[in-house]
Amino acid sequence: MQPLDKNTQDAAKGNTSGSLTGDTRPKALDERGAIGKQFTEQGAVGGTAQAIGGPFDKEGMVGKHFTSGGSVGGSVQSNLGGKKETGG
């Protein structure tokens, strides 16, 4: 049996980002994380709001609060965003 390479070892630990053990990656709700990125203007939720436009646009009366600098998005980003250690 051959020894596992570094990427296979990392994948077995749940680190599928391709980075080495000990690196950091965005938390899920961070603006670059798996969930948070869906709320950016390029993501599924944010992109739909941009397409609708008007108050839902990133600069509109509603949409501006959901950016990473807005009151809702900023709170999520500062409290639940950021990076986490991957592996040991």
PDB file of N, CA and C in Angstrom:
ATOM      1  N   MET A   1       0.839  -1.176   0.000  1.00  0.00           N
ATOM      2  CA  MET A   1       0.000   0.000   0.000  1.00  0.00           C
ATOM      3  C   MET A   1       0.889   1.244   0.000  1.00  0.00           C
ATOM      4  N   GLN A   2       0.566   2.214  -0.860  1.00  0.00           N
ATOM      5  CA  GLN A   2       1.353   3.439  -0.955  1.00  0.00           C
ATOM      6  C   GLN A   2       0.888   4.453   0.083  1.00  0.00           C
ATOM      7  N   PRO A   3       1.815   5.272   0.595  1.00  0.00           N
ATOM      8  CA  PRO A   3       1.406   6.311   1.545  1.00  0.00           C
ATOM      9  C   PRO A   3       0.562   7.379   0.837  1.00  0.00           C
ATOM     10  N   LEU A   4      -0.323   8.003   1.584  1.00  0.00           N
ATOM     11  CA  LEU A   4      -1.182   9.055   1.024  1.00  0.00           C
ATOM     12  C   LEU A   4      -0.393  10.330   0.809  1.00  0.00           C
ATOM     13  N   ASP A   5      -0.663  11.022  -0.311  1.00  0.00           N
ATOM     14  CA  ASP A   5       0.001  12.298  -0.548  1.00  0.00           C
ATOM     15  C   ASP A   5      -0.645  13.378   0.314  1.00  0.00           C
ATOM     16  N   LYS A   6      -0.051  14.552   0.336  1.00  0.00           N
ATOM     17  CA  LYS A   6      -0.495  15.658   1.202  1.00  0.00           C
ATOM     18  C   LYS A   6      -1.941  16.068   0.917  1.00  0.00           C
ATOM     19  N   ASN A   7      -2.342  16.173  -0.355  1.00  0.00           N
ATOM     20  CA  ASN A   7      -3.707  16.579  -0.690  1.00  0.00           C
ATOM     21  C   ASN A   7      -4.729  15.545  -0.228  1.00  0.00           C
ATOM     22  N   THR A   8      -4.382  14.267  -0.346  1.00  0.00           N
ATOM     23  CA  THR A   8      -5.292  13.214   0.103  1.00  0.00           C
ATOM     24  C   THR A   8      -5.420  13.237   1.615  1.00  0.00           C
ATOM     25  N   GLN A   9      -4.330  13.473   2.318  1.00  0.00           N
ATOM     26  CA  GLN A   9      -4.371  13.582   3.781  1.00  0.00           C
ATOM     27  C   GLN A   9      -5.234  14.764   4.200  1.00  0.00           C
ATOM     28  N   ASP A  10      -5.069  15.906   3.529  1.00  0.00           N
ATOM     29  CA  ASP A  10      -5.865  17.089   3.846  1.00  0.00           C
ATOM     30  C   ASP A  10      -7.344  16.836   3.577  1.00  0.00           C
ATOM     31  N   ALA A  11      -7.668  16.174   2.472  1.00  0.00           N
ATOM     32  CA  ALA A  11      -9.059  15.879   2.143  1.00  0.00           C
ATOM     33  C   ALA A  11      -9.677  14.955   3.188  1.00  0.00           C
ATOM     34  N   ALA A  12      -8.899  14.007   3.686  1.00  0.00           N
ATOM     35  CA  ALA A  12      -9.393  13.098   4.716  1.00  0.00           C
ATOM     36  C   ALA A  12      -9.707  13.845   6.008  1.00  0.00           C
ATOM     37  N   LYS A  13      -9.010  14.954   6.249  1.00  0.00           N
ATOM     38  CA  LYS A  13      -9.260  15.779   7.433  1.00  0.00           C
ATOM     39  C   LYS A  13     -10.369  16.792   7.188  1.00  0.00           C
ATOM     40  N   GLY A  14     -10.934  16.810   5.994  1.00  0.00           N
ATOM     41  CA  GLY A  14     -11.999  17.757   5.677  1.00  0.00           C
ATOM     42  C   GLY A  14     -11.503  19.037   5.042  1.00  0.00           C
ATOM     43  N   ASN A  15     -10.233  19.151   4.769  1.00  0.00           N
ATOM     44  CA  ASN A  15      -9.664  20.346   4.149  1.00  0.00           C
ATOM     45  C   ASN A  15      -9.584  20.113   2.651  1.00  0.00           C
ATOM     46  N   THR A  16     -10.617  20.526   1.936  1.00  0.00           N
ATOM     47  CA  THR A  16     -10.647  20.310   0.490  1.00  0.00           C
ATOM     48  C   THR A  16     -10.299  21.566  -0.289  1.00  0.00           C
ATOM     49  N   SER A  17      -9.801  22.584   0.398  1.00  0.00           N
ATOM     50  CA  SER A  17      -9.494  23.844  -0.271  1.00  0.00           C
ATOM     51  C   SER A  17      -8.198  23.784  -1.065  1.00  0.00           C
ATOM     52  N   GLY A  18      -7.440  22.697  -0.905  1.00  0.00           N
ATOM     53  CA  GLY A  18      -6.172  22.588  -1.612  1.00  0.00           C
ATOM     54  C   GLY A  18      -5.042  23.284  -0.889  1.00  0.00           C
ATOM     55  N   SER A  19      -5.310  23.883   0.262  1.00  0.00           N
ATOM     56  CA  SER A  19      -4.260  24.558   1.006  1.00  0.00           C
ATOM     57  C   SER A  19      -3.629  23.585   1.988  1.00  0.00           C
ATOM     58  N   LEU A  20      -2.481  23.944   2.488  1.00  0.00           N
ATOM     59  CA  LEU A  20      -1.772  23.091   3.421  1.00  0.00           C
ATOM     60  C   LEU A  20      -2.395  23.174   4.807  1.00  0.00           C
ATOM     61  N   THR A  21      -2.189  22.129   5.585  1.00  0.00           N
ATOM     62  CA  THR A  21      -2.686  22.106   6.951  1.00  0.00           C
ATOM     63  C   THR A  21      -2.106  23.296   7.708  1.00  0.00           C
ATOM     64  N   GLY A  22      -2.934  23.961   8.503  1.00  0.00           N
ATOM     65  CA  GLY A  22      -2.485  25.113   9.262  1.00  0.00           C
ATOM     66  C   GLY A  22      -2.793  26.436   8.576  1.00  0.00           C
ATOM     67  N   ASP A  23      -3.157  26.413   7.302  1.00  0.00           N
ATOM     68  CA  ASP A  23      -3.549  27.632   6.601  1.00  0.00           C
ATOM     69  C   ASP A  23      -4.929  28.065   7.087  1.00  0.00           C
ATOM     70  N   THR A  24      -5.356  29.230   6.640  1.00  0.00           N
ATOM     71  CA  THR A  24      -6.691  29.706   6.994  1.00  0.00           C
ATOM     72  C   THR A  24      -7.547  29.795   5.754  1.00  0.00           C
ATOM     73  N   ARG A  25      -8.856  29.704   5.954  1.00  0.00           N
ATOM     74  CA  ARG A  25      -9.805  29.874   4.862  1.00  0.00           C
ATOM     75  C   ARG A  25     -11.002  30.612   5.432  1.00  0.00           C
ATOM     76  N   PRO A  26     -11.807  31.248   4.578  1.00  0.00           N
ATOM     77  CA  PRO A  26     -12.938  32.028   5.088  1.00  0.00           C
ATOM     78  C   PRO A  26     -13.976  31.151   5.773  1.00  0.00           C
ATOM     79  N   LYS A  27     -14.581  31.684   6.829  1.00  0.00           N
ATOM     80  CA  LYS A  27     -15.693  30.984   7.469  1.00  0.00           C
ATOM     81  C   LYS A  27     -16.874  30.997   6.514  1.00  0.00           C
ATOM     82  N   ALA A  28     -17.837  30.116   6.731  1.00  0.00           N
ATOM     83  CA  ALA A  28     -18.970  29.955   5.811  1.00  0.00           C
ATOM     84  C   ALA A  28     -19.738  31.255   5.585  1.00  0.00           C
ATOM     85  N   LEU A  29     -19.945  32.053   6.627  1.00  0.00           N
ATOM     86  CA  LEU A  29     -20.735  33.271   6.484  1.00  0.00           C
ATOM     87  C   LEU A  29     -19.906  34.494   6.102  1.00  0.00           C
ATOM     88  N   ASP A  30     -18.597  34.338   5.965  1.00  0.00           N
ATOM     89  CA  ASP A  30     -17.747  35.427   5.500  1.00  0.00           C
ATOM     90  C   ASP A  30     -18.138  35.778   4.065  1.00  0.00           C
ATOM     91  N   GLU A  31     -17.876  37.009   3.626  1.00  0.00           N
ATOM     92  CA  GLU A  31     -18.256  37.411   2.270  1.00  0.00           C
ATOM     93  C   GLU A  31     -17.583  36.567   1.194  1.00  0.00           C
ATOM     94  N   ARG A  32     -16.516  35.841   1.539  1.00  0.00           N
ATOM     95  CA  ARG A  32     -15.857  34.946   0.586  1.00  0.00           C
ATOM     96  C   ARG A  32     -16.148  33.489   0.898  1.00  0.00           C
ATOM     97  N   GLY A  33     -16.937  33.208   1.931  1.00  0.00           N
ATOM     98  CA  GLY A  33     -17.259  31.843   2.341  1.00  0.00           C
ATOM     99  C   GLY A  33     -18.361  31.225   1.494  1.00  0.00           C
ATOM    100  N   ALA A  34     -18.622  29.958   1.743  1.00  0.00           N
ATOM    101  CA  ALA A  34     -19.591  29.193   0.948  1.00  0.00           C
ATOM    102  C   ALA A  34     -20.987  29.801   0.963  1.00  0.00           C
ATOM    103  N   ILE A  35     -21.435  30.303   2.095  1.00  0.00           N
ATOM    104  CA  ILE A  35     -22.770  30.897   2.194  1.00  0.00           C
ATOM    105  C   ILE A  35     -22.720  32.392   1.913  1.00  0.00           C
ATOM    106  N   GLY A  36     -21.794  33.082   2.547  1.00  0.00           N
ATOM    107  CA  GLY A  36     -21.710  34.534   2.420  1.00  0.00           C
ATOM    108  C   GLY A  36     -21.519  35.033   1.000  1.00  0.00           C
ATOM    109  N   LYS A  37     -20.769  34.293   0.192  1.00  0.00           N
ATOM    110  CA  LYS A  37     -20.527  34.748  -1.181  1.00  0.00           C
ATOM    111  C   LYS A  37     -21.801  34.748  -2.024  1.00  0.00           C
ATOM    112  N   GLN A  38     -22.822  33.988  -1.608  1.00  0.00           N
ATOM    113  CA  GLN A  38     -24.086  33.983  -2.338  1.00  0.00           C
ATOM    114  C   GLN A  38     -24.832  35.307  -2.179  1.00  0.00           C
ATOM    115  N   PHE A  39     -24.463  36.081  -1.166  1.00  0.00           N
ATOM    116  CA  PHE A  39     -25.126  37.357  -0.904  1.00  0.00           C
ATOM    117  C   PHE A  39     -24.390  38.546  -1.520  1.00  0.00           C
ATOM    118  N   THR A  40     -23.256  38.296  -2.191  1.00  0.00           N
ATOM    119  CA  THR A  40     -22.560  39.372  -2.892  1.00  0.00           C
ATOM    120  C   THR A  40     -23.258  39.605  -4.231  1.00  0.00           C
ATOM    121  N   GLU A  41     -22.907  40.664  -4.912  1.00  0.00           N
ATOM    122  CA  GLU A  41     -23.575  40.959  -6.185  1.00  0.00           C
ATOM    123  C   GLU A  41     -23.295  39.904  -7.256  1.00  0.00           C
ATOM    124  N   GLN A  42     -22.248  39.091  -7.084  1.00  0.00           N
ATOM    125  CA  GLN A  42     -21.964  38.015  -8.032  1.00  0.00           C
ATOM    126  C   GLN A  42     -22.649  36.708  -7.627  1.00  0.00           C
ATOM    127  N   GLY A  43     -23.144  36.601  -6.398  1.00  0.00           N
ATOM    128  CA  GLY A  43     -23.770  35.379  -5.900  1.00  0.00           C
ATOM    129  C   GLY A  43     -25.224  35.248  -6.330  1.00  0.00           C
ATOM    130  N   ALA A  44     -25.821  34.106  -5.999  1.00  0.00           N
ATOM    131  CA  ALA A  44     -27.200  33.815  -6.399  1.00  0.00           C
ATOM    132  C   ALA A  44     -28.201  34.796  -5.803  1.00  0.00           C
ATOM    133  N   VAL A  45     -28.110  35.065  -4.525  1.00  0.00           N
ATOM    134  CA  VAL A  45     -29.074  35.956  -3.862  1.00  0.00           C
ATOM    135  C   VAL A  45     -28.799  37.414  -4.233  1.00  0.00           C
ATOM    136  N   GLY A  46     -27.551  37.831  -4.067  1.00  0.00           N
ATOM    137  CA  GLY A  46     -27.190  39.213  -4.385  1.00  0.00           C
ATOM    138  C   GLY A  46     -27.319  39.537  -5.855  1.00  0.00           C
ATOM    139  N   GLY A  47     -27.022  38.578  -6.708  1.00  0.00           N
ATOM    140  CA  GLY A  47     -27.145  38.775  -8.158  1.00  0.00           C
ATOM    141  C   GLY A  47     -28.595  38.974  -8.574  1.00  0.00           C
ATOM    142  N   THR A  48     -29.494  38.239  -7.920  1.00  0.00           N
ATOM    143  CA  THR A  48     -30.927  38.401  -8.199  1.00  0.00           C
ATOM    144  C   THR A  48     -31.389  39.786  -7.766  1.00  0.00           C
ATOM    145  N   ALA A  49     -30.930  40.225  -6.602  1.00  0.00           N
ATOM    146  CA  ALA A  49     -31.289  41.565  -6.126  1.00  0.00           C
ATOM    147  C   ALA A  49     -30.759  42.642  -7.073  1.00  0.00           C
ATOM    148  N   GLN A  50     -29.546  42.443  -7.585  1.00  0.00           N
ATOM    149  CA  GLN A  50     -28.982  43.393  -8.547  1.00  0.00           C
ATOM    150  C   GLN A  50     -29.813  43.417  -9.825  1.00  0.00           C
ATOM    151  N   ALA A  51     -30.260  42.250 -10.270  1.00  0.00           N
ATOM    152  CA  ALA A  51     -31.057  42.174 -11.491  1.00  0.00           C
ATOM    153  C   ALA A  51     -32.413  42.869 -11.318  1.00  0.00           C
ATOM    154  N   ILE A  52     -33.006  42.725 -10.145  1.00  0.00           N
ATOM    155  CA  ILE A  52     -34.275  43.403  -9.860  1.00  0.00           C
ATOM    156  C   ILE A  52     -34.047  44.910  -9.795  1.00  0.00           C
ATOM    157  N   GLY A  53     -32.937  45.298  -9.170  1.00  0.00           N
ATOM    158  CA  GLY A  53     -32.567  46.708  -9.096  1.00  0.00           C
ATOM    159  C   GLY A  53     -33.424  47.507  -8.141  1.00  0.00           C
ATOM    160  N   GLY A  54     -33.508  48.792  -8.413  1.00  0.00           N
ATOM    161  CA  GLY A  54     -34.283  49.687  -7.559  1.00  0.00           C
ATOM    162  C   GLY A  54     -33.804  49.632  -6.126  1.00  0.00           C
ATOM    163  N   PRO A  55     -34.714  49.446  -5.170  1.00  0.00           N
ATOM    164  CA  PRO A  55     -34.317  49.443  -3.764  1.00  0.00           C
ATOM    165  C   PRO A  55     -33.452  48.237  -3.386  1.00  0.00           C
ATOM    166  N   PHE A  56     -33.464  47.179  -4.200  1.00  0.00           N
ATOM    167  CA  PHE A  56     -32.680  45.986  -3.884  1.00  0.00           C
ATOM    168  C   PHE A  56     -31.262  46.040  -4.437  1.00  0.00           C
ATOM    169  N   ASP A  57     -30.953  47.020  -5.282  1.00  0.00           N
ATOM    170  CA  ASP A  57     -29.606  47.212  -5.809  1.00  0.00           C
ATOM    171  C   ASP A  57     -28.653  47.410  -4.630  1.00  0.00           C
ATOM    172  N   LYS A  58     -27.363  47.074  -4.813  1.00  0.00           N
ATOM    173  CA  LYS A  58     -26.393  47.203  -3.720  1.00  0.00           C
ATOM    174  C   LYS A  58     -26.285  48.629  -3.186  1.00  0.00           C
ATOM    175  N   GLU A  59     -26.748  49.604  -3.948  1.00  0.00           N
ATOM    176  CA  GLU A  59     -26.730  50.995  -3.494  1.00  0.00           C
ATOM    177  C   GLU A  59     -28.137  51.516  -3.198  1.00  0.00           C
ATOM    178  N   GLY A  60     -29.149  50.640  -3.300  1.00  0.00           N
ATOM    179  CA  GLY A  60     -30.528  51.029  -3.055  1.00  0.00           C
ATOM    180  C   GLY A  60     -30.860  51.105  -1.575  1.00  0.00           C
ATOM    181  N   MET A  61     -32.080  51.549  -1.272  1.00  0.00           N
ATOM    182  CA  MET A  61     -32.519  51.739   0.114  1.00  0.00           C
ATOM    183  C   MET A  61     -32.469  50.440   0.931  1.00  0.00           C
ATOM    184  N   VAL A  62     -32.746  49.317   0.339  1.00  0.00           N
ATOM    185  CA  VAL A  62     -32.719  48.032   1.044  1.00  0.00           C
ATOM    186  C   VAL A  62     -31.359  47.358   0.866  1.00  0.00           C
ATOM    187  N   GLY A  63     -30.911  47.250  -0.364  1.00  0.00           N
ATOM    188  CA  GLY A  63     -29.688  46.525  -0.685  1.00  0.00           C
ATOM    189  C   GLY A  63     -28.441  47.037  -0.015  1.00  0.00           C
ATOM    190  N   LYS A  64     -28.344  48.342   0.220  1.00  0.00           N
ATOM    191  CA  LYS A  64     -27.132  48.904   0.824  1.00  0.00           C
ATOM    192  C   LYS A  64     -26.881  48.372   2.230  1.00  0.00           C
ATOM    193  N   HIS A  65     -27.903  47.895   2.898  1.00  0.00           N
ATOM    194  CA  HIS A  65     -27.740  47.359   4.248  1.00  0.00           C
ATOM    195  C   HIS A  65     -27.192  45.940   4.243  1.00  0.00           C
ATOM    196  N   PHE A  66     -27.221  45.289   3.084  1.00  0.00           N
ATOM    197  CA  PHE A  66     -26.783  43.898   2.992  1.00  0.00           C
ATOM    198  C   PHE A  66     -25.385  43.739   2.411  1.00  0.00           C
ATOM    199  N   THR A  67     -24.691  44.830   2.146  1.00  0.00           N
ATOM    200  CA  THR A  67     -23.296  44.747   1.696  1.00  0.00           C
ATOM    201  C   THR A  67     -22.416  44.477   2.909  1.00  0.00           C
ATOM    202  N   SER A  68     -21.156  44.109   2.697  1.00  0.00           N
ATOM    203  CA  SER A  68     -20.264  43.816   3.827  1.00  0.00           C
ATOM    204  C   SER A  68     -20.014  45.052   4.687  1.00  0.00           C
ATOM    205  N   GLY A  69     -20.300  46.236   4.158  1.00  0.00           N
ATOM    206  CA  GLY A  69     -20.159  47.462   4.931  1.00  0.00           C
ATOM    207  C   GLY A  69     -21.481  47.999   5.466  1.00  0.00           C
ATOM    208  N   GLY A  70     -22.600  47.370   5.086  1.00  0.00           N
ATOM    209  CA  GLY A  70     -23.913  47.817   5.528  1.00  0.00           C
ATOM    210  C   GLY A  70     -24.244  47.334   6.930  1.00  0.00           C
ATOM    211  N   SER A  71     -25.382  47.781   7.464  1.00  0.00           N
ATOM    212  CA  SER A  71     -25.733  47.447   8.841  1.00  0.00           C
ATOM    213  C   SER A  71     -25.975  45.956   9.053  1.00  0.00           C
ATOM    214  N   VAL A  72     -26.666  45.290   8.150  1.00  0.00           N
ATOM    215  CA  VAL A  72     -26.926  43.849   8.295  1.00  0.00           C
ATOM    216  C   VAL A  72     -25.702  43.047   7.858  1.00  0.00           C
ATOM    217  N   GLY A  73     -25.252  43.276   6.646  1.00  0.00           N
ATOM    218  CA  GLY A  73     -24.091  42.540   6.135  1.00  0.00           C
ATOM    219  C   GLY A  73     -22.835  42.806   6.930  1.00  0.00           C
ATOM    220  N   GLY A  74     -22.651  44.024   7.382  1.00  0.00           N
ATOM    221  CA  GLY A  74     -21.481  44.373   8.189  1.00  0.00           C
ATOM    222  C   GLY A  74     -21.487  43.664   9.530  1.00  0.00           C
ATOM    223  N   SER A  75     -22.668  43.547  10.142  1.00  0.00           N
ATOM    224  CA  SER A  75     -22.779  42.833  11.420  1.00  0.00           C
ATOM    225  C   SER A  75     -22.448  41.360  11.249  1.00  0.00           C
ATOM    226  N   VAL A  76     -22.964  40.758  10.198  1.00  0.00           N
ATOM    227  CA  VAL A  76     -22.665  39.349   9.932  1.00  0.00           C
ATOM    228  C   VAL A  76     -21.176  39.186   9.673  1.00  0.00           C
ATOM    229  N   GLN A  77     -20.620  40.074   8.860  1.00  0.00           N
ATOM    230  CA  GLN A  77     -19.208  39.984   8.506  1.00  0.00           C
ATOM    231  C   GLN A  77     -18.325  40.128   9.748  1.00  0.00           C
ATOM    232  N   SER A  78     -18.614  41.082  10.616  1.00  0.00           N
ATOM    233  CA  SER A  78     -17.745  41.300  11.772  1.00  0.00           C
ATOM    234  C   SER A  78     -17.951  40.260  12.869  1.00  0.00           C
ATOM    235  N   ASN A  79     -19.162  39.739  13.015  1.00  0.00           N
ATOM    236  CA  ASN A  79     -19.425  38.770  14.085  1.00  0.00           C
ATOM    237  C   ASN A  79     -19.256  37.316  13.663  1.00  0.00           C
ATOM    238  N   LEU A  80     -19.571  36.996  12.435  1.00  0.00           N
ATOM    239  CA  LEU A  80     -19.541  35.601  11.994  1.00  0.00           C
ATOM    240  C   LEU A  80     -18.575  35.350  10.846  1.00  0.00           C
ATOM    241  N   GLY A  81     -18.050  36.409  10.261  1.00  0.00           N
ATOM    242  CA  GLY A  81     -17.121  36.263   9.140  1.00  0.00           C
ATOM    243  C   GLY A  81     -15.708  36.043   9.608  1.00  0.00           C
ATOM    244  N   GLY A  82     -14.774  36.307   8.749  1.00  0.00           N
ATOM    245  CA  GLY A  82     -13.366  36.129   9.086  1.00  0.00           C
ATOM    246  C   GLY A  82     -12.825  34.812   8.582  1.00  0.00           C
ATOM    247  N   LYS A  83     -11.736  34.382   9.171  1.00  0.00           N
ATOM    248  CA  LYS A  83     -11.076  33.162   8.720  1.00  0.00           C
ATOM    249  C   LYS A  83     -10.998  32.171   9.866  1.00  0.00           C
ATOM    250  N   LYS A  84     -10.843  30.908   9.500  1.00  0.00           N
ATOM    251  CA  LYS A  84     -10.658  29.867  10.510  1.00  0.00           C
ATOM    252  C   LYS A  84      -9.464  29.019  10.125  1.00  0.00           C
ATOM    253  N   GLU A  85      -8.859  28.405  11.112  1.00  0.00           N
ATOM    254  CA  GLU A  85      -7.721  27.519  10.880  1.00  0.00           C
ATOM    255  C   GLU A  85      -8.221  26.241  10.219  1.00  0.00           C
ATOM    256  N   THR A  86      -7.473  25.728   9.280  1.00  0.00           N
ATOM    257  CA  THR A  86      -7.826  24.458   8.637  1.00  0.00           C
ATOM    258  C   THR A  86      -6.802  23.428   9.040  1.00  0.00           C
ATOM    259  N   GLY A  87      -7.246  22.380   9.627  1.00  0.00           N
ATOM    260  CA  GLY A  87      -6.345  21.283  10.006  1.00  0.00           C
ATOM    261  C   GLY A  87      -5.611  21.555  11.299  1.00  0.00           C
ATOM    262  N   GLY A  88      -4.554  20.811  11.517  1.00  0.00           N
ATOM    263  CA  GLY A  88      -3.879  20.900  12.801  1.00  0.00           C
ATOM    264  C   GLY A  88      -2.486  21.222  12.639  1.00  0.00           C
TER     265      GLY A  88
END
